[in-house]
Amino acid sequence: MTSAQRSAALPDVPAIAEFVPSYEASAWYGVGCPKNTPTEIVKNLNREVNASLADPTLKGRLTEFDAVPLVGSALELGALLVDETEKWRRVVKFASIKLE
C-alpha cells in the first residue's frame, strides 16, 4: 500500500510508510470548474457533491473499491492542489526528472 495508512480492504498488508517514514503516494479525485465560475454555482456544486458523498449507498459502493470519500470546501480542494503540486515538484526536482 502506498497510502499513509493500511487499507481497510487489506488490513494485513502494511503501508509503505511503516518501512519508509513519511512516504505517501495515493490517488485522489476532485470536482472542479473553470476559474471564473460564479461563487454561487461553486457553492451549489460543492454542496451537492458533498451530499452525494455522504449518501450511504454511494459511500458503500466507494468502500467496495477501497475509496475513502473526502468531503470539503472548494478552498480545501484548492489547498490540496497546492500541497500536492509542491510535493510532486520536489520529487521531480530531487529525481532530476526531465520531459522528453
N, C-alpha and C. Protein backbone atom coordinates (compact mmCIF):
# COMPACT_ATOMS: atom_id res chain seq x y z
N MET A 1 0.84 -1.16 0.00
CA MET A 1 0.00 0.00 0.00
C MET A 1 0.90 1.24 0.00
N THR A 2 0.66 2.12 -0.93
CA THR A 2 1.47 3.34 -0.97
C THR A 2 0.81 4.50 -0.23
N SER A 3 -0.35 4.24 0.35
CA SER A 3 -1.02 5.28 1.14
C SER A 3 -0.34 5.38 2.51
N ALA A 4 -0.69 6.42 3.24
CA ALA A 4 -0.06 6.65 4.55
C ALA A 4 -0.49 5.61 5.59
N GLN A 5 -1.72 5.09 5.45
CA GLN A 5 -2.22 4.09 6.39
C GLN A 5 -2.59 2.80 5.66
N ARG A 6 -2.74 1.76 6.44
CA ARG A 6 -3.18 0.49 5.87
C ARG A 6 -4.59 0.62 5.29
N SER A 7 -4.86 -0.19 4.32
CA SER A 7 -6.17 -0.21 3.68
C SER A 7 -7.14 -1.03 4.52
N ALA A 8 -8.37 -0.54 4.65
CA ALA A 8 -9.40 -1.31 5.36
C ALA A 8 -9.71 -2.60 4.61
N ALA A 9 -9.55 -2.59 3.28
CA ALA A 9 -9.82 -3.77 2.47
C ALA A 9 -8.72 -4.83 2.60
N LEU A 10 -7.51 -4.38 2.91
CA LEU A 10 -6.37 -5.29 3.05
C LEU A 10 -5.60 -4.96 4.34
N PRO A 11 -6.23 -5.17 5.49
CA PRO A 11 -5.61 -4.73 6.75
C PRO A 11 -4.30 -5.43 7.10
N ASP A 12 -4.03 -6.60 6.51
CA ASP A 12 -2.78 -7.31 6.81
C ASP A 12 -1.62 -6.87 5.93
N VAL A 13 -1.91 -6.03 4.93
CA VAL A 13 -0.86 -5.53 4.04
C VAL A 13 -0.34 -4.22 4.62
N PRO A 14 0.93 -4.17 4.99
CA PRO A 14 1.46 -2.94 5.58
C PRO A 14 1.50 -1.78 4.59
N ALA A 15 1.34 -0.60 5.12
CA ALA A 15 1.53 0.61 4.31
C ALA A 15 3.03 0.84 4.18
N ILE A 16 3.46 1.36 3.05
CA ILE A 16 4.88 1.59 2.83
C ILE A 16 5.47 2.54 3.87
N ALA A 17 4.64 3.43 4.40
CA ALA A 17 5.11 4.38 5.42
C ALA A 17 5.57 3.66 6.69
N GLU A 18 5.18 2.41 6.87
CA GLU A 18 5.65 1.63 8.01
C GLU A 18 7.12 1.25 7.85
N PHE A 19 7.61 1.31 6.62
CA PHE A 19 9.01 0.96 6.35
C PHE A 19 9.82 2.18 5.90
N VAL A 20 9.15 3.09 5.23
CA VAL A 20 9.81 4.30 4.72
C VAL A 20 9.05 5.49 5.32
N PRO A 21 9.54 6.01 6.43
CA PRO A 21 8.83 7.10 7.11
C PRO A 21 8.53 8.28 6.17
N SER A 22 7.34 8.82 6.30
CA SER A 22 6.86 9.98 5.56
C SER A 22 6.53 9.69 4.10
N TYR A 23 6.71 8.45 3.64
CA TYR A 23 6.38 8.13 2.26
C TYR A 23 4.87 8.02 2.14
N GLU A 24 4.33 8.62 1.10
CA GLU A 24 2.90 8.54 0.82
C GLU A 24 2.67 8.92 -0.62
N ALA A 25 2.01 8.06 -1.34
CA ALA A 25 1.62 8.36 -2.72
C ALA A 25 0.27 7.71 -2.95
N SER A 26 -0.75 8.51 -3.03
CA SER A 26 -2.08 7.96 -3.24
C SER A 26 -2.81 8.77 -4.31
N ALA A 27 -3.76 8.12 -4.92
CA ALA A 27 -4.57 8.78 -5.95
C ALA A 27 -5.76 9.46 -5.28
N TRP A 28 -6.19 10.53 -5.86
CA TRP A 28 -7.39 11.20 -5.37
C TRP A 28 -8.07 11.86 -6.56
N TYR A 29 -9.33 12.14 -6.39
CA TYR A 29 -10.11 12.76 -7.45
C TYR A 29 -10.86 13.95 -6.85
N GLY A 30 -11.04 14.97 -7.65
CA GLY A 30 -11.79 16.14 -7.21
C GLY A 30 -12.67 16.63 -8.34
N VAL A 31 -13.65 17.40 -7.99
CA VAL A 31 -14.53 18.00 -8.98
C VAL A 31 -14.20 19.48 -9.03
N GLY A 32 -13.88 19.96 -10.21
CA GLY A 32 -13.52 21.36 -10.36
C GLY A 32 -14.37 22.03 -11.42
N CYS A 33 -14.19 23.31 -11.55
CA CYS A 33 -14.89 24.07 -12.58
C CYS A 33 -13.98 25.23 -13.00
N PRO A 34 -14.29 25.88 -14.09
CA PRO A 34 -13.44 26.97 -14.57
C PRO A 34 -13.24 28.06 -13.52
N LYS A 35 -12.09 28.72 -13.60
CA LYS A 35 -11.68 29.72 -12.61
C LYS A 35 -12.72 30.82 -12.38
N ASN A 36 -13.36 31.31 -13.38
CA ASN A 36 -14.29 32.44 -13.23
C ASN A 36 -15.74 32.02 -13.03
N THR A 37 -15.95 30.78 -12.61
CA THR A 37 -17.32 30.32 -12.34
C THR A 37 -17.88 31.12 -11.17
N PRO A 38 -19.11 31.61 -11.28
CA PRO A 38 -19.70 32.38 -10.18
C PRO A 38 -19.68 31.61 -8.85
N THR A 39 -19.41 32.32 -7.78
CA THR A 39 -19.29 31.73 -6.44
C THR A 39 -20.51 30.91 -6.06
N GLU A 40 -21.68 31.39 -6.38
CA GLU A 40 -22.92 30.68 -6.02
C GLU A 40 -22.99 29.31 -6.71
N ILE A 41 -22.54 29.24 -7.95
CA ILE A 41 -22.53 27.95 -8.66
C ILE A 41 -21.53 27.01 -8.02
N VAL A 42 -20.36 27.52 -7.65
CA VAL A 42 -19.34 26.69 -6.98
C VAL A 42 -19.90 26.16 -5.66
N LYS A 43 -20.54 27.03 -4.89
CA LYS A 43 -21.12 26.61 -3.60
C LYS A 43 -22.19 25.54 -3.79
N ASN A 44 -23.06 25.74 -4.78
CA ASN A 44 -24.11 24.75 -5.05
C ASN A 44 -23.52 23.41 -5.49
N LEU A 45 -22.56 23.44 -6.39
CA LEU A 45 -21.90 22.22 -6.84
C LEU A 45 -21.23 21.51 -5.67
N ASN A 46 -20.52 22.27 -4.85
CA ASN A 46 -19.83 21.70 -3.69
C ASN A 46 -20.82 21.05 -2.73
N ARG A 47 -21.92 21.74 -2.46
CA ARG A 47 -22.93 21.21 -1.55
C ARG A 47 -23.50 19.88 -2.07
N GLU A 48 -23.80 19.84 -3.37
CA GLU A 48 -24.39 18.63 -3.95
C GLU A 48 -23.39 17.47 -4.02
N VAL A 49 -22.15 17.77 -4.34
CA VAL A 49 -21.13 16.71 -4.37
C VAL A 49 -20.93 16.16 -2.96
N ASN A 50 -20.82 17.04 -1.97
CA ASN A 50 -20.65 16.59 -0.59
C ASN A 50 -21.85 15.78 -0.11
N ALA A 51 -23.05 16.19 -0.50
CA ALA A 51 -24.25 15.44 -0.13
C ALA A 51 -24.23 14.06 -0.78
N SER A 52 -23.79 13.98 -2.02
CA SER A 52 -23.70 12.69 -2.70
C SER A 52 -22.69 11.78 -2.01
N LEU A 53 -21.56 12.33 -1.62
CA LEU A 53 -20.53 11.52 -0.96
C LEU A 53 -20.96 11.06 0.43
N ALA A 54 -21.93 11.74 1.03
CA ALA A 54 -22.45 11.35 2.34
C ALA A 54 -23.56 10.31 2.23
N ASP A 55 -24.08 10.12 1.01
CA ASP A 55 -25.16 9.15 0.80
C ASP A 55 -24.66 7.74 1.12
N PRO A 56 -25.36 7.01 2.00
CA PRO A 56 -24.89 5.68 2.40
C PRO A 56 -24.70 4.70 1.23
N THR A 57 -25.55 4.77 0.23
CA THR A 57 -25.42 3.86 -0.91
C THR A 57 -24.13 4.14 -1.68
N LEU A 58 -23.89 5.39 -2.01
CA LEU A 58 -22.68 5.75 -2.74
C LEU A 58 -21.44 5.50 -1.87
N LYS A 59 -21.53 5.86 -0.61
CA LYS A 59 -20.41 5.65 0.31
C LYS A 59 -20.05 4.16 0.39
N GLY A 60 -21.07 3.32 0.46
CA GLY A 60 -20.84 1.87 0.50
C GLY A 60 -20.21 1.36 -0.78
N ARG A 61 -20.67 1.88 -1.89
CA ARG A 61 -20.12 1.45 -3.20
C ARG A 61 -18.66 1.86 -3.31
N LEU A 62 -18.34 3.08 -2.88
CA LEU A 62 -16.95 3.54 -2.92
C LEU A 62 -16.06 2.69 -2.01
N THR A 63 -16.61 2.31 -0.87
CA THR A 63 -15.85 1.48 0.08
C THR A 63 -15.49 0.14 -0.54
N GLU A 64 -16.36 -0.38 -1.40
CA GLU A 64 -16.07 -1.64 -2.08
C GLU A 64 -14.78 -1.55 -2.90
N PHE A 65 -14.45 -0.35 -3.35
CA PHE A 65 -13.24 -0.12 -4.14
C PHE A 65 -12.11 0.45 -3.29
N ASP A 66 -12.29 0.40 -1.96
CA ASP A 66 -11.32 0.92 -1.01
C ASP A 66 -11.09 2.42 -1.19
N ALA A 67 -12.12 3.11 -1.66
CA ALA A 67 -12.04 4.56 -1.82
C ALA A 67 -12.58 5.21 -0.56
N VAL A 68 -11.93 6.27 -0.14
CA VAL A 68 -12.35 7.00 1.06
C VAL A 68 -12.86 8.37 0.62
N PRO A 69 -14.16 8.59 0.70
CA PRO A 69 -14.69 9.90 0.28
C PRO A 69 -14.21 11.01 1.23
N LEU A 70 -13.72 12.07 0.66
CA LEU A 70 -13.30 13.24 1.43
C LEU A 70 -14.22 14.40 1.06
N VAL A 71 -15.02 14.82 2.00
CA VAL A 71 -15.87 15.97 1.74
C VAL A 71 -15.15 17.22 2.21
N GLY A 72 -15.42 18.31 1.57
CA GLY A 72 -14.77 19.56 1.95
C GLY A 72 -15.22 20.70 1.07
N SER A 73 -14.57 21.81 1.26
CA SER A 73 -14.92 23.03 0.52
C SER A 73 -14.04 23.19 -0.71
N ALA A 74 -14.42 24.14 -1.55
CA ALA A 74 -13.60 24.47 -2.71
C ALA A 74 -12.23 24.98 -2.26
N LEU A 75 -12.20 25.72 -1.16
CA LEU A 75 -10.92 26.22 -0.64
C LEU A 75 -10.02 25.08 -0.18
N GLU A 76 -10.62 24.07 0.45
CA GLU A 76 -9.83 22.92 0.90
C GLU A 76 -9.28 22.14 -0.29
N LEU A 77 -10.06 21.99 -1.34
CA LEU A 77 -9.56 21.33 -2.55
C LEU A 77 -8.43 22.14 -3.16
N GLY A 78 -8.57 23.46 -3.18
CA GLY A 78 -7.51 24.32 -3.69
C GLY A 78 -6.23 24.16 -2.89
N ALA A 79 -6.35 24.07 -1.57
CA ALA A 79 -5.17 23.88 -0.71
C ALA A 79 -4.52 22.52 -0.98
N LEU A 80 -5.35 21.49 -1.19
CA LEU A 80 -4.82 20.16 -1.52
C LEU A 80 -4.06 20.21 -2.84
N LEU A 81 -4.60 20.90 -3.82
CA LEU A 81 -3.91 21.03 -5.11
C LEU A 81 -2.55 21.70 -4.95
N VAL A 82 -2.50 22.76 -4.15
CA VAL A 82 -1.23 23.45 -3.90
C VAL A 82 -0.24 22.51 -3.21
N ASP A 83 -0.70 21.81 -2.17
CA ASP A 83 0.17 20.89 -1.43
C ASP A 83 0.69 19.76 -2.31
N GLU A 84 -0.20 19.16 -3.08
CA GLU A 84 0.20 18.05 -3.95
C GLU A 84 1.16 18.51 -5.04
N THR A 85 0.91 19.68 -5.61
CA THR A 85 1.79 20.21 -6.64
C THR A 85 3.19 20.43 -6.08
N GLU A 86 3.28 20.98 -4.89
CA GLU A 86 4.58 21.22 -4.26
C GLU A 86 5.27 19.90 -3.92
N LYS A 87 4.52 18.94 -3.38
CA LYS A 87 5.11 17.64 -3.03
C LYS A 87 5.73 17.00 -4.27
N TRP A 88 4.99 16.95 -5.36
CA TRP A 88 5.50 16.28 -6.56
C TRP A 88 6.54 17.12 -7.29
N ARG A 89 6.50 18.45 -7.13
CA ARG A 89 7.55 19.30 -7.68
C ARG A 89 8.88 18.94 -7.04
N ARG A 90 8.88 18.75 -5.73
CA ARG A 90 10.11 18.38 -5.01
C ARG A 90 10.62 17.01 -5.45
N VAL A 91 9.70 16.07 -5.67
CA VAL A 91 10.10 14.73 -6.13
C VAL A 91 10.75 14.82 -7.51
N VAL A 92 10.11 15.55 -8.41
CA VAL A 92 10.64 15.70 -9.78
C VAL A 92 12.02 16.36 -9.74
N LYS A 93 12.16 17.40 -8.94
CA LYS A 93 13.45 18.09 -8.84
C LYS A 93 14.52 17.18 -8.24
N PHE A 94 14.20 16.49 -7.14
CA PHE A 94 15.16 15.61 -6.48
C PHE A 94 15.63 14.49 -7.40
N ALA A 95 14.68 13.95 -8.18
CA ALA A 95 15.00 12.83 -9.08
C ALA A 95 15.53 13.30 -10.44
N SER A 96 15.65 14.63 -10.61
CA SER A 96 16.11 15.19 -11.88
C SER A 96 15.31 14.66 -13.07
N ILE A 97 14.01 14.58 -12.91
CA ILE A 97 13.14 14.10 -13.97
C ILE A 97 12.98 15.20 -15.02
N LYS A 98 13.16 14.85 -16.28
CA LYS A 98 13.06 15.80 -17.39
C LYS A 98 12.01 15.32 -18.38
N LEU A 99 11.31 16.25 -18.99
CA LEU A 99 10.37 15.92 -20.06
C LEU A 99 11.16 15.46 -21.29
N GLU A 100 10.64 14.48 -21.97
CA GLU A 100 11.28 14.02 -23.21
C GLU A 100 10.37 14.26 -24.37
